[in-house]
Protein backbone atom coordinates (compact mmCIF):
# COMPACT_ATOMS: atom_id res chain seq x y z
CA UNK A 1 -0.10 0.06 -0.06
CA UNK A 2 1.26 3.38 -0.88
CA UNK A 3 -0.25 6.78 0.54
CA UNK A 4 -0.18 9.90 0.16
CA UNK A 5 -1.48 13.26 1.79
CA UNK A 6 -2.06 15.80 -0.80
CA UNK A 7 -5.19 18.20 0.13
CA UNK A 8 -6.90 15.22 2.09
CA UNK A 9 -6.69 13.21 -1.05
CA UNK A 10 -5.61 9.23 -0.52
CA UNK A 11 -4.54 6.90 -3.53
CA UNK A 12 -3.88 3.03 -2.67
CA UNK A 13 -2.57 1.13 -5.73
CA UNK A 14 -4.51 -1.84 -6.42
CA UNK A 15 -3.87 -4.83 -8.93
CA UNK A 16 -3.90 -4.10 -12.61
CA UNK A 17 -5.34 -7.17 -14.27
CA UNK A 18 -6.85 -8.85 -17.34
CA UNK A 19 -9.70 -11.32 -16.86
CA UNK A 20 -12.57 -13.47 -19.42
CA UNK A 21 -15.59 -11.68 -19.24
CA UNK A 22 -18.76 -12.76 -18.04
CA UNK A 23 -20.25 -12.27 -21.37
CA UNK A 24 -17.44 -10.48 -23.39
CA UNK A 25 -13.91 -12.53 -24.57
CA UNK A 26 -12.11 -9.95 -21.69
CA UNK A 27 -12.21 -7.29 -19.44
CA UNK A 28 -9.70 -4.82 -17.84
CA UNK A 29 -9.97 -4.23 -13.68
CA UNK A 30 -8.80 -0.88 -13.49
CA UNK A 31 -7.44 0.90 -10.30
CA UNK A 32 -8.56 4.28 -8.83
CA UNK A 33 -7.18 6.97 -10.70
CA UNK A 34 -6.43 4.82 -13.83
CA UNK A 35 -8.02 4.63 -17.53
CA UNK A 36 -7.70 2.45 -20.08
CA UNK A 37 -5.20 3.75 -22.87
CA UNK A 38 -5.89 0.69 -25.06
CA UNK A 39 -6.58 -3.16 -25.46
CA UNK A 40 -5.48 -5.74 -28.38
CA UNK A 41 -5.80 -9.28 -28.98
CA UNK A 42 -3.87 -11.88 -31.16
CA UNK A 43 -4.30 -15.40 -31.80
CA UNK A 44 -2.07 -18.10 -31.26
CA UNK A 45 -0.15 -17.00 -34.41
CA UNK A 46 0.31 -13.79 -33.32
CA UNK A 47 -2.78 -12.57 -35.56
CA UNK A 48 -4.54 -9.22 -34.65
CA UNK A 49 -8.19 -10.11 -33.85
CA UNK A 50 -11.08 -7.76 -34.73
CA UNK A 51 -12.53 -6.16 -31.55
CA UNK A 52 -15.52 -4.21 -30.32
CA UNK A 53 -14.99 -2.33 -27.03
CA UNK A 54 -17.27 -1.18 -24.85
CA UNK A 55 -15.73 0.27 -21.69
CA UNK A 56 -13.30 -1.75 -20.29
CA UNK A 57 -14.35 -4.75 -22.09
CA UNK A 58 -14.00 -6.30 -25.51
CA UNK A 59 -15.99 -8.89 -27.74
CA UNK A 60 -14.32 -10.27 -31.03
CA UNK A 61 -16.13 -8.90 -34.03
CA UNK A 62 -15.55 -12.25 -35.81
CA UNK A 63 -16.62 -15.68 -34.02
CA UNK A 64 -14.22 -17.71 -32.14
CA UNK A 65 -14.18 -21.68 -31.51
CA UNK A 66 -14.31 -22.56 -27.51
CA UNK A 67 -11.30 -23.55 -25.96
CA UNK A 68 -9.36 -20.79 -28.17
CA UNK A 69 -6.35 -19.10 -26.68
CA UNK A 70 -6.10 -15.70 -27.26
CA UNK A 71 -3.49 -13.31 -25.81
CA UNK A 72 -4.95 -10.22 -24.80
CA UNK A 73 -2.76 -6.91 -23.88
CA UNK A 74 -3.77 -3.85 -22.01
CA UNK A 75 -2.38 -0.36 -21.17
CA UNK A 76 -3.53 1.53 -18.64
CA UNK A 77 -2.33 5.32 -17.63
CA UNK A 78 -2.47 7.22 -14.52
CA UNK A 79 -3.21 10.98 -14.34
CA UNK A 80 -1.52 13.39 -12.02
CA UNK A 81 -1.52 12.85 -9.33
CA UNK A 82 -1.45 9.25 -8.91
CA UNK A 83 0.94 8.95 -11.99
CA UNK A 84 3.23 10.56 -9.15
CA UNK A 85 3.34 7.33 -7.12
CA UNK A 86 2.50 4.46 -10.04
CA UNK A 87 4.37 6.04 -12.94
CA UNK A 88 2.56 7.70 -15.81
CA UNK A 89 1.46 3.94 -17.57
CA UNK A 90 1.48 0.18 -16.70
CA UNK A 91 0.96 -2.48 -19.70
CA UNK A 92 -0.48 -6.00 -18.63
CA UNK A 93 -1.24 -9.44 -20.56
CA UNK A 94 -2.78 -12.42 -20.18
CA UNK A 95 -3.83 -15.46 -22.53
CA UNK A 96 -7.78 -15.97 -22.26
CA UNK A 97 -9.11 -19.54 -23.38
CA UNK A 98 -12.38 -19.17 -25.04
CA UNK A 99 -15.13 -21.00 -22.58
CA UNK A 100 -16.71 -24.44 -23.27
CA UNK A 101 -19.89 -26.36 -22.34
CA UNK A 102 -19.76 -30.02 -21.69
CA UNK A 103 -22.95 -31.81 -21.28
CA UNK A 104 -23.36 -33.43 -17.83
CA UNK A 105 -26.70 -34.58 -18.06
CA UNK A 106 -26.69 -38.95 -18.77
CA UNK A 107 -26.08 -39.30 -22.60
CA UNK A 108 -28.73 -42.07 -22.37
CA UNK A 109 -31.98 -41.32 -20.77
CA UNK A 110 -34.90 -43.41 -19.29
CA UNK A 111 -37.83 -40.90 -19.85
CA UNK A 112 -41.22 -41.71 -18.53
CA UNK A 113 -43.78 -40.83 -20.79
CA UNK A 114 -44.80 -37.25 -20.32
CA UNK A 115 -41.97 -36.17 -19.10
CA UNK A 116 -39.55 -33.70 -20.86
CA UNK A 117 -36.27 -34.75 -22.09
CA UNK A 118 -33.68 -32.21 -20.24
CA UNK A 119 -30.16 -31.81 -21.08
CA UNK A 120 -27.64 -30.07 -18.41
CA UNK A 121 -24.27 -28.29 -18.68
CA UNK A 122 -21.33 -27.61 -16.67
CA UNK A 123 -21.82 -23.95 -17.28
CA UNK A 124 -24.35 -21.79 -18.38
CA UNK A 125 -24.65 -21.62 -22.28
CA UNK A 126 -25.63 -18.57 -24.15
CA UNK A 127 -26.37 -20.30 -27.54
CA UNK A 128 -27.42 -23.90 -28.11
CA UNK A 129 -28.52 -25.70 -31.53
CA UNK A 130 -30.62 -28.97 -30.61
CA UNK A 131 -31.61 -31.22 -33.80
CA UNK A 132 -34.34 -33.71 -32.78
CA UNK A 133 -36.92 -35.47 -35.08
CA UNK A 134 -35.44 -33.80 -38.08
CA UNK A 135 -35.71 -30.24 -37.02
CA UNK A 136 -32.49 -28.01 -35.83
CA UNK A 137 -33.96 -25.54 -33.14
CA UNK A 138 -31.18 -22.76 -32.49
CA UNK A 139 -31.92 -20.22 -29.39
CA UNK A 140 -29.91 -17.57 -27.68
CA UNK A 141 -30.17 -17.54 -23.82
CA UNK A 142 -29.66 -13.41 -23.03
CA UNK A 143 -28.77 -14.47 -19.23
CA UNK A 144 -27.28 -17.73 -19.68
CA UNK A 145 -28.99 -21.10 -18.87
CA UNK A 146 -27.34 -24.23 -17.44
CA UNK A 147 -30.06 -26.61 -18.72
CA UNK A 148 -32.62 -26.87 -21.85
CA UNK A 149 -35.48 -29.03 -22.84
CA UNK A 150 -35.08 -30.96 -26.05
CA UNK A 151 -37.91 -29.64 -28.20
CA UNK A 152 -39.59 -32.17 -30.45
CA UNK A 153 -38.78 -35.01 -28.46
CA UNK A 154 -40.54 -38.23 -29.38
CA UNK A 155 -41.22 -41.08 -27.19
CA UNK A 156 -37.96 -42.53 -27.90
CA UNK A 157 -35.53 -40.78 -29.79
CA UNK A 158 -32.05 -39.07 -30.15
CA UNK A 159 -30.90 -35.53 -30.49
CA UNK A 160 -27.95 -33.81 -32.03
CA UNK A 161 -26.70 -30.88 -29.32
CA UNK A 162 -24.25 -27.96 -29.71
CA UNK A 163 -24.08 -25.28 -26.97
CA UNK A 164 -21.65 -22.44 -26.28
CA UNK A 165 -20.89 -20.28 -23.28
CA UNK A 166 -20.49 -17.13 -25.13
CA UNK A 167 -23.34 -15.96 -27.73
CA UNK A 168 -20.21 -15.05 -30.43
CA UNK A 169 -18.36 -18.03 -30.16
CA UNK A 170 -19.04 -20.59 -32.95
CA UNK A 171 -20.82 -23.73 -32.03
CA UNK A 172 -18.80 -26.77 -31.54
CA UNK A 173 -19.54 -30.28 -33.04
CA UNK A 174 -22.85 -31.77 -31.60
CA UNK A 175 -22.93 -34.60 -29.19
CA UNK A 176 -25.82 -37.06 -29.09
CA UNK A 177 -28.37 -37.58 -26.58
CA UNK A 178 -30.86 -40.37 -26.58
CA UNK A 179 -33.87 -41.35 -24.48
CA UNK A 180 -35.71 -44.29 -24.21
CA UNK A 181 -39.51 -44.87 -22.64
CA UNK A 182 -39.22 -47.45 -19.83
CA UNK A 183 -39.82 -50.88 -21.32
CA UNK A 184 -38.84 -54.94 -20.50
CA UNK A 185 -36.45 -55.39 -23.18
CA UNK A 186 -33.53 -53.65 -23.69
CA UNK A 187 -34.63 -50.64 -26.43
CA UNK A 188 -32.25 -49.68 -29.63
CA UNK A 189 -32.39 -46.83 -31.71
CA UNK A 190 -30.71 -46.48 -34.97
CA UNK A 191 -29.34 -43.75 -36.46
CA UNK A 192 -29.24 -42.30 -39.16
CA UNK A 193 -33.16 -42.14 -39.04
CA UNK A 194 -34.60 -45.23 -41.56
CA UNK A 195 -36.67 -42.97 -43.19
CA UNK A 196 -33.97 -41.08 -45.06
CA UNK A 197 -31.43 -42.48 -47.43
CA UNK A 198 -27.78 -43.12 -46.89
CA UNK A 199 -24.79 -43.18 -48.91
CA UNK A 200 -22.56 -46.26 -49.59
CA UNK A 201 -19.89 -45.33 -46.76
CA UNK A 202 -22.90 -43.66 -44.28
CA UNK A 203 -21.71 -45.05 -40.52
CA UNK A 204 -24.83 -47.25 -39.59
CA UNK A 205 -24.80 -46.33 -35.46
CA UNK A 206 -27.08 -48.28 -32.79
CA UNK A 207 -27.63 -46.85 -29.46
CA UNK A 208 -29.09 -49.34 -26.57
CA UNK A 209 -31.08 -48.37 -23.69
CA UNK A 210 -28.63 -50.26 -21.27
CA UNK A 211 -24.81 -50.48 -21.42
CA UNK A 212 -23.47 -52.49 -24.14
CA UNK A 213 -21.27 -54.07 -21.87
CA UNK A 214 -24.82 -55.85 -20.36
CA UNK A 215 -26.05 -56.68 -24.00
CA UNK A 216 -24.86 -59.99 -25.25
CA UNK A 217 -24.07 -59.44 -28.95
CA UNK A 218 -24.27 -55.85 -28.84
CA UNK A 219 -21.06 -55.39 -30.70
CA UNK A 220 -21.98 -58.01 -33.19
CA UNK A 221 -25.50 -57.38 -35.28
CA UNK A 222 -26.05 -58.81 -38.39
CA UNK A 223 -26.26 -57.23 -41.49
CA UNK A 224 -27.97 -58.39 -44.98
CA UNK A 225 -26.42 -58.41 -47.20
CA UNK A 226 -22.79 -58.93 -46.34
CA UNK A 227 -21.07 -55.66 -46.50
CA UNK A 228 -17.33 -55.36 -45.75
CA UNK A 229 -16.45 -53.17 -42.89
CA UNK A 230 -16.63 -53.45 -38.72
CA UNK A 231 -18.47 -52.99 -35.88
CA UNK A 232 -16.86 -50.97 -33.09
CA UNK A 233 -17.99 -49.55 -29.70
CA UNK A 234 -18.27 -45.67 -30.01
CA UNK A 235 -19.48 -45.20 -26.37
CA UNK A 236 -20.74 -47.04 -23.42
CA UNK A 237 -24.24 -47.17 -24.82
CA UNK A 238 -23.55 -47.11 -28.95
CA UNK A 239 -21.95 -49.06 -31.54
CA UNK A 240 -20.97 -48.22 -35.12
CA UNK A 241 -20.86 -49.89 -38.19
CA UNK A 242 -18.42 -48.21 -40.74
CA UNK A 243 -18.15 -49.99 -44.22
CA UNK A 244 -15.45 -50.10 -46.35
CA UNK A 245 -14.35 -51.40 -49.64
CA UNK A 246 -17.18 -50.47 -52.19
CA UNK A 247 -19.64 -50.02 -49.18
CA UNK A 248 -23.41 -50.38 -49.54
CA UNK A 249 -24.57 -50.67 -52.74
CA UNK A 250 -26.14 -47.87 -54.36
CA UNK A 251 -29.92 -48.34 -55.08
CA UNK A 252 -30.15 -50.95 -52.18
CA UNK A 253 -31.43 -52.10 -48.62
CA UNK A 254 -29.45 -53.05 -46.07
CA UNK A 255 -31.41 -54.65 -43.03
CA UNK A 256 -29.34 -54.96 -39.34
CA UNK A 257 -30.73 -57.60 -37.19
CA UNK A 258 -30.38 -57.06 -33.38
CA UNK A 259 -29.19 -59.21 -30.66
CA UNK A 260 -31.61 -61.35 -28.66
CA UNK A 261 -33.54 -59.98 -25.87
CA UNK A 262 -33.39 -56.47 -27.59
CA UNK A 263 -36.25 -54.48 -29.82
CA UNK A 264 -36.32 -51.67 -32.19
CA UNK A 265 -37.28 -48.86 -29.81
CA UNK A 266 -41.08 -48.75 -29.75
CA UNK A 267 -41.71 -51.46 -32.33
CA UNK A 268 -41.65 -55.04 -31.45
CA UNK A 269 -39.12 -56.25 -34.13
CA UNK A 270 -35.47 -57.02 -33.99
CA UNK A 271 -34.78 -55.76 -37.10
CA UNK A 272 -33.88 -52.11 -38.81
CA UNK A 273 -33.97 -51.38 -42.26
CA UNK A 274 -31.73 -48.43 -44.25
CA UNK A 275 -32.42 -47.27 -47.66
CA UNK A 276 -29.29 -46.55 -50.09
CA UNK A 277 -29.57 -43.52 -52.02
CA UNK A 278 -30.19 -44.01 -55.87
CA UNK A 279 -27.13 -42.63 -57.82
CA UNK A 280 -27.24 -40.22 -60.58
CA UNK A 281 -27.87 -41.65 -63.97
CA UNK A 282 -25.43 -38.67 -65.04
CA UNK A 283 -22.78 -40.33 -63.67
CA UNK A 284 -23.72 -43.78 -65.60
CA UNK A 285 -23.66 -41.42 -68.56
CA UNK A 286 -20.13 -39.96 -67.72
CA UNK A 287 -18.92 -43.25 -66.94
CA UNK A 288 -19.78 -44.88 -70.13
CA UNK A 289 -18.40 -42.23 -72.14
CA UNK A 290 -15.14 -42.19 -70.28
CA UNK A 291 -14.62 -46.43 -70.64
CA UNK A 292 -15.40 -45.62 -74.47
CA UNK A 293 -19.02 -47.35 -74.66
CA UNK A 294 -20.54 -43.84 -76.05
CA UNK A 295 -19.75 -41.78 -79.26
CA UNK A 296 -18.66 -39.00 -77.17
CA UNK A 297 -15.62 -38.70 -74.43
CA UNK A 298 -16.29 -37.21 -71.33
CA UNK A 299 -13.16 -35.01 -69.59
CA UNK A 300 -13.71 -34.09 -65.88
CA UNK A 301 -13.45 -30.76 -64.84
CA UNK A 302 -11.46 -31.46 -61.73
CA UNK A 303 -10.57 -35.34 -61.64
CA UNK A 304 -12.28 -37.76 -59.26
CA UNK A 305 -9.48 -39.62 -57.44
CA UNK A 306 -8.79 -43.14 -58.48
CA UNK A 307 -9.89 -44.49 -55.11
CA UNK A 308 -12.93 -46.90 -54.29
CA UNK A 309 -14.63 -44.50 -51.90
CA UNK A 310 -14.00 -41.12 -54.25
CA UNK A 311 -15.80 -43.19 -57.53
CA UNK A 312 -18.50 -44.06 -54.97
CA UNK A 313 -19.05 -40.83 -53.70
CA UNK A 314 -18.73 -39.34 -56.92
CA UNK A 315 -22.04 -41.25 -58.21
CA UNK A 316 -24.23 -39.33 -55.74
CA UNK A 317 -22.57 -35.94 -56.74
CA UNK A 318 -20.98 -36.38 -60.50
CA UNK A 319 -18.43 -33.88 -61.36
CA UNK A 320 -18.47 -31.23 -64.19
CA UNK A 321 -17.13 -31.42 -67.23
CA UNK A 322 -17.39 -31.74 -70.95
CA UNK A 323 -18.22 -33.95 -73.69
CA UNK A 324 -16.57 -34.51 -77.14
CA UNK A 325 -17.08 -36.14 -80.10
CA UNK A 326 -14.45 -39.05 -80.23
CA UNK A 327 -14.62 -38.93 -84.72
CA UNK A 328 -15.01 -36.12 -86.81
CA UNK A 329 -16.88 -38.52 -88.84
CA UNK A 330 -19.57 -39.04 -86.80
CA UNK A 331 -23.01 -39.58 -88.85
CA UNK A 332 -25.22 -36.56 -88.31
CA UNK A 333 -28.05 -39.20 -87.22
CA UNK A 334 -25.91 -40.26 -84.30
CA UNK A 335 -25.13 -36.64 -83.40
CA UNK A 336 -28.77 -35.71 -83.25
CA UNK A 337 -29.70 -38.73 -81.31
CA UNK A 338 -27.23 -37.90 -78.71
CA UNK A 339 -28.68 -34.09 -79.07
CA UNK A 340 -32.25 -34.79 -78.51
CA UNK A 341 -32.76 -38.32 -77.01
CA UNK A 342 -29.39 -39.27 -75.49
CA UNK A 343 -31.09 -41.60 -73.29
CA UNK A 344 -31.32 -44.45 -75.88
CA UNK A 345 -27.64 -43.81 -76.77
CA UNK A 346 -26.90 -44.37 -72.81
CA UNK A 347 -29.14 -47.50 -72.76
CA UNK A 348 -27.42 -49.09 -75.80
CA UNK A 349 -24.07 -48.35 -74.06
CA UNK A 350 -25.56 -49.84 -70.99
CA UNK A 351 -26.08 -52.94 -72.55
CA UNK A 352 -23.10 -53.42 -74.38
CA UNK A 353 -21.37 -52.71 -70.97
CA UNK A 354 -23.22 -55.37 -69.32
CA UNK A 355 -22.77 -57.65 -71.86
CA UNK A 356 -19.11 -57.24 -72.17
CA UNK A 357 -19.09 -57.95 -68.25
CA UNK A 358 -21.06 -61.28 -68.42
CA UNK A 359 -24.25 -59.69 -67.02
CA UNK A 360 -27.88 -59.66 -67.61
CA UNK A 361 -28.24 -57.03 -70.48
CA UNK A 362 -31.54 -55.27 -69.71
CA UNK A 363 -29.70 -51.70 -70.06
CA UNK A 364 -30.99 -50.63 -66.44
CA UNK A 365 -28.93 -49.25 -63.82
CA UNK A 366 -29.28 -52.03 -60.80
CA UNK A 367 -26.65 -52.24 -57.56
CA UNK A 368 -24.56 -55.09 -59.43
CA UNK A 369 -24.20 -52.69 -62.62
CA UNK A 370 -23.32 -49.69 -60.48
CA UNK A 371 -20.56 -51.47 -58.64
CA UNK A 372 -19.40 -53.14 -61.96
CA UNK A 373 -19.05 -49.63 -63.65
CA UNK A 374 -16.67 -48.28 -60.62
CA UNK A 375 -14.52 -51.31 -60.61
CA UNK A 376 -14.13 -51.14 -64.43
CA UNK A 377 -13.19 -47.47 -64.06
CA UNK A 378 -10.66 -48.25 -61.40
CA UNK A 379 -9.35 -50.73 -63.34
CA UNK A 380 -9.27 -49.28 -66.68
CA UNK A 381 -11.35 -51.80 -68.34
CA UNK A 382 -12.41 -49.76 -71.43
CA UNK A 383 -14.74 -51.00 -74.30
CA UNK A 384 -12.58 -53.64 -75.98
CA UNK A 385 -14.98 -53.64 -79.35
CA UNK A 386 -15.67 -50.37 -80.50
CA UNK A 387 -18.77 -48.19 -81.49
CA UNK A 388 -20.99 -49.39 -84.46
CA UNK A 389 -23.99 -47.22 -85.33
CA UNK A 390 -26.50 -48.70 -88.21
CA UNK A 391 -28.80 -46.33 -90.38
CA UNK A 392 -31.66 -48.13 -92.25
CA UNK A 393 -32.76 -45.66 -95.30
CA UNK A 394 -36.53 -46.63 -95.93
CA UNK A 395 -36.22 -43.88 -99.17
CA UNK A 396 -35.51 -45.93 -102.38
CA UNK A 397 -33.30 -47.51 -102.98
CA UNK A 398 -33.55 -48.69 -99.57
CA UNK A 399 -30.08 -48.93 -97.78
CA UNK A 400 -28.37 -49.82 -94.59
CA UNK A 401 -24.60 -47.97 -93.35
CA UNK A 402 -22.45 -49.50 -91.17
CA UNK A 403 -20.38 -46.89 -89.51
CA UNK A 404 -17.81 -48.02 -87.03
CA UNK A 405 -15.40 -46.14 -84.83
CA UNK A 406 -15.15 -43.84 -87.40
CA UNK A 407 -15.21 -45.52 -90.81
CA UNK A 408 -18.29 -46.49 -92.62
CA UNK A 409 -17.60 -50.48 -93.49
CA UNK A 410 -20.47 -51.33 -95.84
CA UNK A 411 -23.70 -49.93 -97.52
CA UNK A 412 -25.60 -52.72 -98.99
CA UNK A 413 -28.88 -52.76 -100.51
CA UNK A 414 -31.59 -53.80 -97.86
CA UNK A 415 -35.50 -54.23 -97.58
CA UNK A 416 -37.68 -53.05 -95.23
CA UNK A 417 -41.57 -53.78 -94.15
CA UNK A 418 -44.11 -53.07 -96.25
CA UNK A 419 -46.98 -50.73 -95.88
CA UNK A 420 -49.07 -53.49 -94.01
CA UNK A 421 -46.09 -54.06 -91.67
CA UNK A 422 -43.63 -51.08 -92.13
CA UNK A 423 -40.55 -51.34 -90.28
CA UNK A 424 -40.49 -48.82 -87.31
CA UNK A 425 -39.10 -45.54 -87.70
CA UNK A 426 -36.76 -44.56 -84.81
CA UNK A 427 -33.67 -45.49 -82.74
CA UNK A 428 -33.67 -48.73 -80.98
CA UNK A 429 -30.80 -50.39 -79.27
CA UNK A 430 -30.12 -54.05 -80.44
CA UNK A 431 -31.38 -56.29 -77.62
CA UNK A 432 -30.88 -60.00 -78.86
CA UNK A 433 -28.76 -61.89 -81.50
CA UNK A 434 -29.02 -64.96 -82.92
CA UNK A 435 -26.41 -66.98 -85.37
CA UNK A 436 -29.83 -69.15 -86.68
CA UNK A 437 -33.45 -68.78 -85.42
CA UNK A 438 -36.78 -69.35 -86.24
CA UNK A 439 -39.19 -66.51 -86.88
CA UNK A 440 -43.08 -67.18 -86.16
CA UNK A 441 -46.18 -64.50 -87.15
CA UNK A 442 -49.27 -63.41 -88.56
CA UNK A 443 -49.25 -62.48 -92.50
CA UNK A 444 -51.36 -58.97 -93.26
CA UNK A 445 -54.04 -61.49 -94.27
CA UNK A 446 -54.42 -63.26 -91.35
CA UNK A 447 -52.54 -66.42 -92.51
CA UNK A 448 -49.32 -67.59 -90.17
CA UNK A 449 -46.13 -67.93 -91.19
CA UNK A 450 -43.37 -70.08 -89.25
CA UNK A 451 -39.71 -69.44 -90.75
CA UNK A 452 -36.72 -71.71 -89.03
CA UNK A 453 -33.41 -71.46 -90.03
CA UNK A 454 -33.12 -67.49 -90.28
CA UNK A 455 -29.43 -66.62 -90.29
CA UNK A 456 -27.84 -63.59 -88.36
CA UNK A 457 -30.27 -62.06 -86.55
CA UNK A 458 -30.24 -58.78 -84.48
CA UNK A 459 -33.27 -57.57 -83.15
CA UNK A 460 -34.12 -54.43 -82.30
CA UNK A 461 -37.18 -53.29 -81.98
CA UNK A 462 -39.96 -55.99 -81.09
CA UNK A 463 -40.08 -58.22 -83.94
CA UNK A 464 -38.21 -56.26 -86.01
CA UNK A 465 -34.53 -57.37 -86.59
CA UNK A 466 -31.55 -57.38 -88.99
CA UNK A 467 -31.30 -60.59 -90.65
CA UNK A 468 -30.51 -62.79 -93.73
CA UNK A 469 -33.55 -63.55 -95.95
CA UNK A 470 -33.67 -64.80 -99.84
CA UNK A 471 -35.18 -62.38 -102.08
CA UNK A 472 -35.01 -61.68 -105.96
CA UNK A 473 -33.73 -58.44 -105.50
CA UNK A 474 -32.98 -56.00 -102.73
CA UNK A 475 -33.69 -51.94 -102.39
CA UNK A 476 -37.55 -51.62 -101.63
CA UNK A 477 -40.16 -52.94 -99.18
CA UNK A 478 -40.64 -56.84 -99.14
CA UNK A 479 -40.34 -57.85 -95.64
CA UNK A 480 -43.05 -58.04 -92.54
CA UNK A 481 -41.14 -55.07 -90.49
CA UNK A 482 -37.49 -56.84 -90.71
CA UNK A 483 -34.43 -55.47 -92.51
CA UNK A 484 -34.17 -58.04 -94.89
CA UNK A 485 -29.94 -58.62 -96.63
CA UNK A 486 -28.65 -61.41 -98.97
CA UNK A 487 -27.38 -64.35 -96.61
CA UNK A 488 -23.58 -63.10 -97.22
CA UNK A 489 -24.16 -59.52 -96.36
CA UNK A 490 -26.25 -60.21 -93.30
CA UNK A 491 -23.19 -62.60 -92.02
CA UNK A 492 -20.83 -59.60 -93.07
CA UNK A 493 -23.10 -57.66 -90.68
CA UNK A 494 -23.89 -59.47 -88.02
CA UNK A 495 -20.39 -59.58 -86.40
CA UNK A 496 -20.31 -55.77 -85.82
CA UNK A 497 -24.03 -55.13 -84.44
CA UNK A 498 -23.26 -56.72 -80.77
CA UNK A 499 -25.94 -56.09 -78.10
CA UNK A 500 -26.37 -52.67 -77.40
CA UNK A 501 -25.76 -51.05 -80.94
CA UNK A 502 -27.98 -48.71 -81.97
CA UNK A 503 -30.13 -48.82 -85.35
CA UNK A 504 -31.47 -45.64 -86.94
CA UNK A 505 -34.57 -46.52 -89.19
CA UNK A 506 -35.38 -43.32 -91.09
């Protein structure tokens, strides 16, 4: 203590200090006769922070994360006569840790019907975000609260809780709380909610109403179908399955069978099923182009990494990019098809891909097809045949044009359907091929026909097909819808028209 009698005034020195503020980042304790000249703050790297000052307290302009160390420095000035005793100024500094809040209520609660779900914290919080029942509720608590009620709480459920002691802080990662109604059997909650689709790499979480150490088999639920990955405990009440490898098959269903003696919360069943999201067909188009099954090539603006997970994730969020024609001589009719009806071109390409990979050639995107597309992409297994486009011109003289990999290979005369049974106009992929087969049907006059031994058949639309047939001449309508050629010509065309080949009848 220092005392100075001057005109009856007594000065008593007290300690100048910088402390964390009740609502602010920091505040300066000023002794009698002192004023705050300046106050600054820097982060751990020495970068200055933008501050708002109110009196002797400061608040950051930009949000800070809880637990962030901030170095605060303040300069205090003394006016005469106090400065005679304490000096003209004094600088003090302190490291302030932005405060954190921790949930202290049980992570798993048993809540009787009609009672609120309560979440408590180890320190009063000023801002909270609670996600429950698919709804996020945020709130600012001006005077701070030590506990909150979970809104939209069902009889059984989970909520994600994030909270901070200061309104200007960044909300941290949420923590989960779960609650169950009293029940005889051990109750289990599945997360994510089984109503919303998951992705192939979404972790599946099972939360038990009892500690997993007390539940036989809690760490080994059975998944159908089998998926590479592992179950592991994430806390005393919950286990998670993390998929690996190719993950869950896109556009499929995954079912977990719970251990004996347990049941799905609120439902008398031991099974919970999740739906895996449907991928974007756009990605299939991109992959088919990259693998050489389309007349266009696709170049990604930002290449997708050549990893299983990156390629799987891309089927749900296709990259941007551009398509370019692979051959300058691409027929105009094929260019028009790609522009106006790309779906038929993609279906044909998909059938060609399925054919080369020994799959059912239905031209549809199912779980197995998606997985095969991804594996082929990772292994760089490109189309080994090339690309064929067939044009059938019904104008006289009628001709077929067979174009393959940028070249017209042949333009033979053909016969199309007569007026009573015309060949269907349009663009169609070849869906069935036979070296020799029997063709049966009804003639325009109602009589039946049954022709065995028809050679080199490529069906492209219903009963319409490219095939060999003996006629006295060719180049004008004579068939009942098919595109007829001499045997030798049909035999030459047939190897170039595998499944998925587009046939354009004009």
